[in-house]
Amino acid sequence: MKTGFSGRVAQAFLNSKLTPLLILASLVAGLGGVLTTPREEEPQISVPMVDVFLAAPGSEPKEVERRLVEPVERRLWEIAGVEHLYSTISPDGGMIIVRFAVGDDPEESVVKVQAKLSGTPALIKLHTIDEVPVLALTLHGAGYDDFTLRQLAAELRAELMRLPDVAQVELIGGSAAGGAGGARSRARLAANGLSAAALANTLGGANLLLLPERCSRPTARFRFGQAASSARRRTSATCWSGS
């Protein structure tokens, strides 16, 4: 029977004394690759991201975008290694997130941004992709108001910050200040020489209602860009009160 090319190659390997040696060499090479390949339970991936905060007090979002954010964006695109820019524009200022290529050195990336924006009043802050919360705790309970819960959370935060390897603990929610801070019970009012009527009159006199001619809701404009192409989405909302 006549055999083709693949058949002749297979026949040569079947009859060759080098075939076992080739198989053994392949096994040794594979085992060496497995042993020498670095392995980590939690691989550290370096994706430097730099926040650039820009301030323009008293400016509208359109003015911030035209006079502040867009010129800074053009300068940031000139930095080698920049892959994405994410801009947030709001009244009185804006923020630009500069994302560098995977594997770039974080400290070197910050130096590049600082050198490019030298002379520009901006707050520059570095953060990495692994800065994510790993544990969230919620405090709740009947009989506790939001101010008391926040005080308890602040005490818990202080204790957590003492633990080893804890980088940051952020406190969210609750009331940062409790009520008017005055005495609530009659005994405390009497001890301070006050009456409920006098306290009510004092608080009533300090209670003012201001009706501004114009009120602005939190206005934000978002811009998403890439090195190869650019896609932008912008939203804004403003409300005016009646005459």
C-alpha atoms as a PDB file:
ATOM      1  CA  MET A   1       0.000   0.000   0.000  1.00  0.00           C
ATOM      2  CA  LYS A   2       1.298   3.394  -0.966  1.00  0.00           C
ATOM      3  CA  THR A   3       1.556   5.922   1.918  1.00  0.00           C
ATOM      4  CA  GLY A   4       1.512   9.692   1.767  1.00  0.00           C
ATOM      5  CA  PHE A   5       3.838  12.251   3.318  1.00  0.00           C
ATOM      6  CA  SER A   6       2.294  12.096   6.809  1.00  0.00           C
ATOM      7  CA  GLY A   7       2.394   8.330   6.730  1.00  0.00           C
ATOM      8  CA  ARG A   8       6.083   8.309   5.859  1.00  0.00           C
ATOM      9  CA  VAL A   9       6.857  10.767   8.679  1.00  0.00           C
ATOM     10  CA  ALA A  10       4.943   8.650  11.180  1.00  0.00           C
ATOM     11  CA  GLN A  11       6.700   5.506   9.979  1.00  0.00           C
ATOM     12  CA  ALA A  12      10.095   7.202  10.405  1.00  0.00           C
ATOM     13  CA  PHE A  13       9.306   8.139  14.019  1.00  0.00           C
ATOM     14  CA  LEU A  14       8.014   4.645  14.802  1.00  0.00           C
ATOM     15  CA  ASN A  15      11.217   3.038  13.631  1.00  0.00           C
ATOM     16  CA  SER A  16      13.622   5.689  15.001  1.00  0.00           C
ATOM     17  CA  LYS A  17      15.534   5.190  18.250  1.00  0.00           C
ATOM     18  CA  LEU A  18      15.438   8.985  18.839  1.00  0.00           C
ATOM     19  CA  THR A  19      11.684   9.057  19.426  1.00  0.00           C
ATOM     20  CA  PRO A  20      11.869   8.122  23.163  1.00  0.00           C
ATOM     21  CA  LEU A  21      14.573  10.761  23.658  1.00  0.00           C
ATOM     22  CA  LEU A  22      12.443  13.437  21.994  1.00  0.00           C
ATOM     23  CA  ILE A  23       9.459  12.543  24.190  1.00  0.00           C
ATOM     24  CA  LEU A  24      11.648  12.652  27.317  1.00  0.00           C
ATOM     25  CA  ALA A  25      13.117  16.026  26.286  1.00  0.00           C
ATOM     26  CA  SER A  26       9.608  17.433  25.752  1.00  0.00           C
ATOM     27  CA  LEU A  27       8.517  16.267  29.219  1.00  0.00           C
ATOM     28  CA  VAL A  28      11.595  17.800  30.845  1.00  0.00           C
ATOM     29  CA  ALA A  29      11.075  21.104  29.016  1.00  0.00           C
ATOM     30  CA  GLY A  30       7.404  21.233  30.063  1.00  0.00           C
ATOM     31  CA  LEU A  31       8.238  20.453  33.689  1.00  0.00           C
ATOM     32  CA  GLY A  32      10.936  23.145  33.688  1.00  0.00           C
ATOM     33  CA  GLY A  33       8.472  25.690  32.317  1.00  0.00           C
ATOM     34  CA  VAL A  34       5.954  24.874  35.045  1.00  0.00           C
ATOM     35  CA  LEU A  35       8.564  25.192  37.795  1.00  0.00           C
ATOM     36  CA  THR A  36      10.124  28.442  36.537  1.00  0.00           C
ATOM     37  CA  THR A  37       6.885  30.312  35.692  1.00  0.00           C
ATOM     38  CA  PRO A  38       6.192  32.874  38.475  1.00  0.00           C
ATOM     39  CA  ARG A  39       2.917  32.312  40.292  1.00  0.00           C
ATOM     40  CA  GLU A  40       1.073  34.521  42.807  1.00  0.00           C
ATOM     41  CA  GLU A  41      -2.146  34.024  44.696  1.00  0.00           C
ATOM     42  CA  GLU A  42      -3.016  37.682  44.076  1.00  0.00           C
ATOM     43  CA  PRO A  43      -1.031  38.933  41.061  1.00  0.00           C
ATOM     44  CA  GLN A  44      -0.068  42.603  41.254  1.00  0.00           C
ATOM     45  CA  ILE A  45      -1.031  44.384  38.041  1.00  0.00           C
ATOM     46  CA  SER A  46       0.339  47.889  37.645  1.00  0.00           C
ATOM     47  CA  VAL A  47      -2.154  50.211  35.928  1.00  0.00           C
ATOM     48  CA  PRO A  48      -1.210  53.762  37.013  1.00  0.00           C
ATOM     49  CA  MET A  49      -4.073  56.258  37.181  1.00  0.00           C
ATOM     50  CA  VAL A  50      -3.547  59.892  38.107  1.00  0.00           C
ATOM     51  CA  ASP A  51      -6.312  62.248  39.227  1.00  0.00           C
ATOM     52  CA  VAL A  52      -5.920  65.883  38.186  1.00  0.00           C
ATOM     53  CA  PHE A  53      -8.206  68.277  40.067  1.00  0.00           C
ATOM     54  CA  LEU A  54      -8.749  71.704  38.505  1.00  0.00           C
ATOM     55  CA  ALA A  55     -10.426  74.605  40.309  1.00  0.00           C
ATOM     56  CA  ALA A  56     -12.264  77.542  38.723  1.00  0.00           C
ATOM     57  CA  PRO A  57     -14.405  79.211  41.406  1.00  0.00           C
ATOM     58  CA  GLY A  58     -17.483  80.969  40.087  1.00  0.00           C
ATOM     59  CA  SER A  59     -17.283  79.401  36.601  1.00  0.00           C
ATOM     60  CA  GLU A  60     -20.081  77.616  34.787  1.00  0.00           C
ATOM     61  CA  PRO A  61     -19.533  74.069  33.431  1.00  0.00           C
ATOM     62  CA  LYS A  62     -19.268  75.248  29.807  1.00  0.00           C
ATOM     63  CA  GLU A  63     -16.658  77.834  30.754  1.00  0.00           C
ATOM     64  CA  VAL A  64     -14.709  75.264  32.797  1.00  0.00           C
ATOM     65  CA  GLU A  65     -14.746  72.873  29.850  1.00  0.00           C
ATOM     66  CA  ARG A  66     -13.647  75.444  27.283  1.00  0.00           C
ATOM     67  CA  ARG A  67     -11.028  77.384  29.248  1.00  0.00           C
ATOM     68  CA  LEU A  68      -9.650  74.803  31.642  1.00  0.00           C
ATOM     69  CA  VAL A  69     -10.354  71.142  30.922  1.00  0.00           C
ATOM     70  CA  GLU A  70      -9.870  71.027  27.151  1.00  0.00           C
ATOM     71  CA  PRO A  71      -6.453  72.794  27.163  1.00  0.00           C
ATOM     72  CA  VAL A  72      -5.228  70.517  29.943  1.00  0.00           C
ATOM     73  CA  GLU A  73      -6.487  67.445  28.075  1.00  0.00           C
ATOM     74  CA  ARG A  74      -4.509  68.424  24.976  1.00  0.00           C
ATOM     75  CA  ARG A  75      -1.354  68.728  27.052  1.00  0.00           C
ATOM     76  CA  LEU A  76      -1.946  65.399  28.787  1.00  0.00           C
ATOM     77  CA  TRP A  77      -2.343  63.570  25.466  1.00  0.00           C
ATOM     78  CA  GLU A  78       1.236  64.580  24.700  1.00  0.00           C
ATOM     79  CA  ILE A  79       2.568  62.387  27.534  1.00  0.00           C
ATOM     80  CA  ALA A  80       4.024  59.071  26.417  1.00  0.00           C
ATOM     81  CA  GLY A  81       2.121  56.090  27.784  1.00  0.00           C
ATOM     82  CA  VAL A  82      -1.272  57.777  28.235  1.00  0.00           C
ATOM     83  CA  GLU A  83      -4.023  55.475  26.964  1.00  0.00           C
ATOM     84  CA  HIS A  84      -7.262  57.008  28.293  1.00  0.00           C
ATOM     85  CA  LEU A  85      -8.567  60.283  29.702  1.00  0.00           C
ATOM     86  CA  TYR A  86     -11.775  60.509  31.728  1.00  0.00           C
ATOM     87  CA  SER A  87     -12.996  64.040  32.462  1.00  0.00           C
ATOM     88  CA  THR A  88     -15.703  65.210  34.849  1.00  0.00           C
ATOM     89  CA  ILE A  89     -16.828  68.830  34.597  1.00  0.00           C
ATOM     90  CA  SER A  90     -18.911  70.598  37.224  1.00  0.00           C
ATOM     91  CA  PRO A  91     -19.490  74.159  38.431  1.00  0.00           C
ATOM     92  CA  ASP A  92     -16.344  75.725  39.930  1.00  0.00           C
ATOM     93  CA  GLY A  93     -13.955  73.117  38.526  1.00  0.00           C
ATOM     94  CA  GLY A  94     -13.348  69.715  37.030  1.00  0.00           C
ATOM     95  CA  MET A  95     -11.390  66.496  37.349  1.00  0.00           C
ATOM     96  CA  ILE A  96      -9.396  64.507  34.791  1.00  0.00           C
ATOM     97  CA  ILE A  97      -8.380  60.879  35.332  1.00  0.00           C
ATOM     98  CA  VAL A  98      -5.247  59.982  33.358  1.00  0.00           C
ATOM     99  CA  ARG A  99      -4.835  56.247  32.777  1.00  0.00           C
ATOM    100  CA  PHE A 100      -1.475  54.948  31.649  1.00  0.00           C
ATOM    101  CA  ALA A 101      -0.555  51.706  29.912  1.00  0.00           C
ATOM    102  CA  VAL A 102      -0.462  48.465  31.869  1.00  0.00           C
ATOM    103  CA  GLY A 103       2.936  47.901  33.421  1.00  0.00           C
ATOM    104  CA  ASP A 104       4.068  51.539  33.559  1.00  0.00           C
ATOM    105  CA  ASP A 105       5.783  52.656  36.741  1.00  0.00           C
ATOM    106  CA  PRO A 106       3.331  54.600  38.965  1.00  0.00           C
ATOM    107  CA  GLU A 107       5.882  57.034  40.375  1.00  0.00           C
ATOM    108  CA  GLU A 108       7.270  57.787  36.937  1.00  0.00           C
ATOM    109  CA  SER A 109       3.744  58.378  35.631  1.00  0.00           C
ATOM    110  CA  VAL A 110       3.070  60.958  38.360  1.00  0.00           C
ATOM    111  CA  VAL A 111       6.335  62.722  37.568  1.00  0.00           C
ATOM    112  CA  LYS A 112       5.345  62.894  33.889  1.00  0.00           C
ATOM    113  CA  VAL A 113       2.011  64.511  34.731  1.00  0.00           C
ATOM    114  CA  GLN A 114       3.592  66.972  37.147  1.00  0.00           C
ATOM    115  CA  ALA A 115       6.225  67.963  34.605  1.00  0.00           C
ATOM    116  CA  LYS A 116       3.654  68.450  31.846  1.00  0.00           C
ATOM    117  CA  LEU A 117       1.359  70.547  34.076  1.00  0.00           C
ATOM    118  CA  SER A 118       4.110  72.597  35.673  1.00  0.00           C
ATOM    119  CA  GLY A 119       2.835  76.120  36.108  1.00  0.00           C
ATOM    120  CA  THR A 120      -0.808  75.007  36.034  1.00  0.00           C
ATOM    121  CA  PRO A 121      -2.635  75.218  39.390  1.00  0.00           C
ATOM    122  CA  ALA A 122      -3.821  71.657  39.819  1.00  0.00           C
ATOM    123  CA  LEU A 123      -3.981  69.001  42.516  1.00  0.00           C
ATOM    124  CA  ILE A 124      -2.410  65.742  41.322  1.00  0.00           C
ATOM    125  CA  LYS A 125      -3.091  62.468  43.118  1.00  0.00           C
ATOM    126  CA  LEU A 126      -1.996  58.932  42.226  1.00  0.00           C
ATOM    127  CA  HIS A 127      -4.122  55.839  42.679  1.00  0.00           C
ATOM    128  CA  THR A 128      -3.798  52.301  41.355  1.00  0.00           C
ATOM    129  CA  ILE A 129      -6.222  49.713  40.080  1.00  0.00           C
ATOM    130  CA  ASP A 130      -5.970  47.611  43.248  1.00  0.00           C
ATOM    131  CA  GLU A 131      -7.327  50.385  45.477  1.00  0.00           C
ATOM    132  CA  VAL A 132     -10.709  48.777  46.040  1.00  0.00           C
ATOM    133  CA  PRO A 133     -12.547  48.084  49.310  1.00  0.00           C
ATOM    134  CA  VAL A 134     -12.375  44.500  50.477  1.00  0.00           C
ATOM    135  CA  LEU A 135     -14.787  44.779  53.402  1.00  0.00           C
ATOM    136  CA  ALA A 136     -17.926  46.866  53.949  1.00  0.00           C
ATOM    137  CA  LEU A 137     -19.536  47.127  57.370  1.00  0.00           C
ATOM    138  CA  THR A 138     -23.042  48.533  57.952  1.00  0.00           C
ATOM    139  CA  LEU A 139     -24.144  49.735  61.386  1.00  0.00           C
ATOM    140  CA  HIS A 140     -27.852  49.753  62.159  1.00  0.00           C
ATOM    141  CA  GLY A 141     -30.090  49.355  65.166  1.00  0.00           C
ATOM    142  CA  ALA A 142     -33.406  50.432  66.603  1.00  0.00           C
ATOM    143  CA  GLY A 143     -33.303  53.414  68.927  1.00  0.00           C
ATOM    144  CA  TYR A 144     -30.182  54.964  67.332  1.00  0.00           C
ATOM    145  CA  ASP A 145     -30.392  58.043  65.141  1.00  0.00           C
ATOM    146  CA  ASP A 146     -28.043  58.728  62.232  1.00  0.00           C
ATOM    147  CA  PHE A 147     -25.797  60.967  64.326  1.00  0.00           C
ATOM    148  CA  THR A 148     -25.270  58.328  67.013  1.00  0.00           C
ATOM    149  CA  LEU A 149     -24.608  55.640  64.418  1.00  0.00           C
ATOM    150  CA  ARG A 150     -22.010  57.830  62.761  1.00  0.00           C
ATOM    151  CA  GLN A 151     -20.289  58.416  66.112  1.00  0.00           C
ATOM    152  CA  LEU A 152     -20.155  54.661  66.687  1.00  0.00           C
ATOM    153  CA  ALA A 153     -18.828  54.160  63.150  1.00  0.00           C
ATOM    154  CA  ALA A 154     -16.114  56.758  63.763  1.00  0.00           C
ATOM    155  CA  GLU A 155     -14.988  54.884  66.876  1.00  0.00           C
ATOM    156  CA  LEU A 156     -14.987  51.628  64.911  1.00  0.00           C
ATOM    157  CA  ARG A 157     -12.944  53.265  62.148  1.00  0.00           C
ATOM    158  CA  ALA A 158     -10.324  54.351  64.679  1.00  0.00           C
ATOM    159  CA  GLU A 159     -10.027  50.780  65.932  1.00  0.00           C
ATOM    160  CA  LEU A 160      -9.806  49.352  62.397  1.00  0.00           C
ATOM    161  CA  MET A 161      -7.020  51.755  61.469  1.00  0.00           C
ATOM    162  CA  ARG A 162      -4.917  50.214  64.219  1.00  0.00           C
ATOM    163  CA  LEU A 163      -5.005  46.807  62.538  1.00  0.00           C
ATOM    164  CA  PRO A 164      -1.923  45.794  60.555  1.00  0.00           C
ATOM    165  CA  ASP A 165      -2.042  46.042  56.736  1.00  0.00           C
ATOM    166  CA  VAL A 166      -5.116  48.313  56.796  1.00  0.00           C
ATOM    167  CA  ALA A 167      -4.466  51.085  54.271  1.00  0.00           C
ATOM    168  CA  GLN A 168      -7.631  53.191  54.368  1.00  0.00           C
ATOM    169  CA  VAL A 169     -11.006  53.197  56.080  1.00  0.00           C
ATOM    170  CA  GLU A 170     -13.733  55.464  54.680  1.00  0.00           C
ATOM    171  CA  LEU A 171     -16.800  56.541  56.610  1.00  0.00           C
ATOM    172  CA  ILE A 172     -20.001  56.924  54.544  1.00  0.00           C
ATOM    173  CA  GLY A 173     -23.470  58.002  55.629  1.00  0.00           C
ATOM    174  CA  GLY A 174     -24.939  59.218  58.868  1.00  0.00           C
ATOM    175  CA  SER A 175     -25.116  62.767  60.111  1.00  0.00           C
ATOM    176  CA  ALA A 176     -21.819  64.507  60.770  1.00  0.00           C
ATOM    177  CA  ALA A 177     -23.421  66.940  63.209  1.00  0.00           C
ATOM    178  CA  GLY A 178     -26.243  66.384  65.614  1.00  0.00           C
ATOM    179  CA  GLY A 179     -29.271  68.683  65.592  1.00  0.00           C
ATOM    180  CA  ALA A 180     -29.043  72.189  67.049  1.00  0.00           C
ATOM    181  CA  GLY A 181     -26.857  70.978  69.893  1.00  0.00           C
ATOM    182  CA  GLY A 182     -29.151  72.468  72.578  1.00  0.00           C
ATOM    183  CA  ALA A 183     -30.452  70.763  75.680  1.00  0.00           C
ATOM    184  CA  ARG A 184     -33.532  68.664  75.030  1.00  0.00           C
ATOM    185  CA  SER A 185     -34.829  67.843  78.451  1.00  0.00           C
ATOM    186  CA  ARG A 186     -36.584  70.250  80.814  1.00  0.00           C
ATOM    187  CA  ALA A 187     -34.022  69.540  83.502  1.00  0.00           C
ATOM    188  CA  ARG A 188     -31.147  70.620  81.274  1.00  0.00           C
ATOM    189  CA  LEU A 189     -33.060  73.688  80.131  1.00  0.00           C
ATOM    190  CA  ALA A 190     -33.720  74.674  83.736  1.00  0.00           C
ATOM    191  CA  ALA A 191     -30.108  74.064  84.681  1.00  0.00           C
ATOM    192  CA  ASN A 192     -29.060  76.549  81.998  1.00  0.00           C
ATOM    193  CA  GLY A 193     -31.699  79.100  83.003  1.00  0.00           C
ATOM    194  CA  LEU A 194     -33.736  78.604  79.838  1.00  0.00           C
ATOM    195  CA  SER A 195     -37.361  77.868  79.121  1.00  0.00           C
ATOM    196  CA  ALA A 196     -38.892  76.010  76.215  1.00  0.00           C
ATOM    197  CA  ALA A 197     -40.622  79.190  74.991  1.00  0.00           C
ATOM    198  CA  ALA A 198     -37.392  81.206  75.102  1.00  0.00           C
ATOM    199  CA  LEU A 199     -35.533  78.478  73.235  1.00  0.00           C
ATOM    200  CA  ALA A 200     -38.283  78.316  70.594  1.00  0.00           C
ATOM    201  CA  ASN A 201     -38.215  82.104  70.108  1.00  0.00           C
ATOM    202  CA  THR A 202     -34.433  82.115  69.767  1.00  0.00           C
ATOM    203  CA  LEU A 203     -34.438  79.352  67.195  1.00  0.00           C
ATOM    204  CA  GLY A 204     -37.361  80.941  65.357  1.00  0.00           C
ATOM    205  CA  GLY A 205     -35.530  84.243  65.064  1.00  0.00           C
ATOM    206  CA  ALA A 206     -32.491  82.535  63.610  1.00  0.00           C
ATOM    207  CA  ASN A 207     -34.565  80.568  61.118  1.00  0.00           C
ATOM    208  CA  LEU A 208     -34.315  82.241  57.714  1.00  0.00           C
ATOM    209  CA  LEU A 209     -35.726  81.162  54.378  1.00  0.00           C
ATOM    210  CA  LEU A 210     -33.786  82.436  51.380  1.00  0.00           C
ATOM    211  CA  LEU A 211     -35.274  82.309  47.894  1.00  0.00           C
ATOM    212  CA  PRO A 212     -32.426  82.806  45.429  1.00  0.00           C
ATOM    213  CA  GLU A 213     -33.188  84.030  41.965  1.00  0.00           C
ATOM    214  CA  ARG A 214     -31.266  81.118  40.518  1.00  0.00           C
ATOM    215  CA  CYS A 215     -30.380  77.720  41.871  1.00  0.00           C
ATOM    216  CA  SER A 216     -28.168  75.190  40.191  1.00  0.00           C
ATOM    217  CA  ARG A 217     -28.499  71.474  40.743  1.00  0.00           C
ATOM    218  CA  PRO A 218     -25.286  69.446  40.810  1.00  0.00           C
ATOM    219  CA  THR A 219     -24.254  69.731  37.203  1.00  0.00           C
ATOM    220  CA  ALA A 220     -21.829  67.304  35.662  1.00  0.00           C
ATOM    221  CA  ARG A 221     -20.359  66.773  32.233  1.00  0.00           C
ATOM    222  CA  PHE A 222     -18.621  63.548  31.389  1.00  0.00           C
ATOM    223  CA  ARG A 223     -16.075  63.037  28.641  1.00  0.00           C
ATOM    224  CA  PHE A 224     -14.585  59.686  27.760  1.00  0.00           C
ATOM    225  CA  GLY A 225     -11.677  59.526  25.325  1.00  0.00           C
ATOM    226  CA  GLN A 226      -9.207  57.002  23.952  1.00  0.00           C
ATOM    227  CA  ALA A 227      -5.959  57.342  22.077  1.00  0.00           C
ATOM    228  CA  ALA A 228      -7.329  55.909  18.828  1.00  0.00           C
ATOM    229  CA  SER A 229     -10.863  57.236  18.924  1.00  0.00           C
ATOM    230  CA  SER A 230     -12.900  59.590  21.063  1.00  0.00           C
ATOM    231  CA  ALA A 231     -16.492  59.242  22.255  1.00  0.00           C
ATOM    232  CA  ARG A 232     -18.098  61.858  24.485  1.00  0.00           C
ATOM    233  CA  ARG A 233     -21.247  62.034  26.529  1.00  0.00           C
ATOM    234  CA  ARG A 234     -22.367  65.200  28.265  1.00  0.00           C
ATOM    235  CA  THR A 235     -25.276  65.893  30.571  1.00  0.00           C
ATOM    236  CA  SER A 236     -26.272  68.986  32.470  1.00  0.00           C
ATOM    237  CA  ALA A 237     -29.259  70.246  34.445  1.00  0.00           C
ATOM    238  CA  THR A 238     -30.034  73.705  35.829  1.00  0.00           C
ATOM    239  CA  CYS A 239     -33.151  74.997  37.577  1.00  0.00           C
ATOM    240  CA  TRP A 240     -34.355  78.530  38.143  1.00  0.00           C
ATOM    241  CA  SER A 241     -36.824  79.595  40.795  1.00  0.00           C
ATOM    242  CA  GLY A 242     -39.873  81.641  40.033  1.00  0.00           C
ATOM    243  CA  SER A 243     -39.948  85.403  40.290  1.00  0.00           C
END
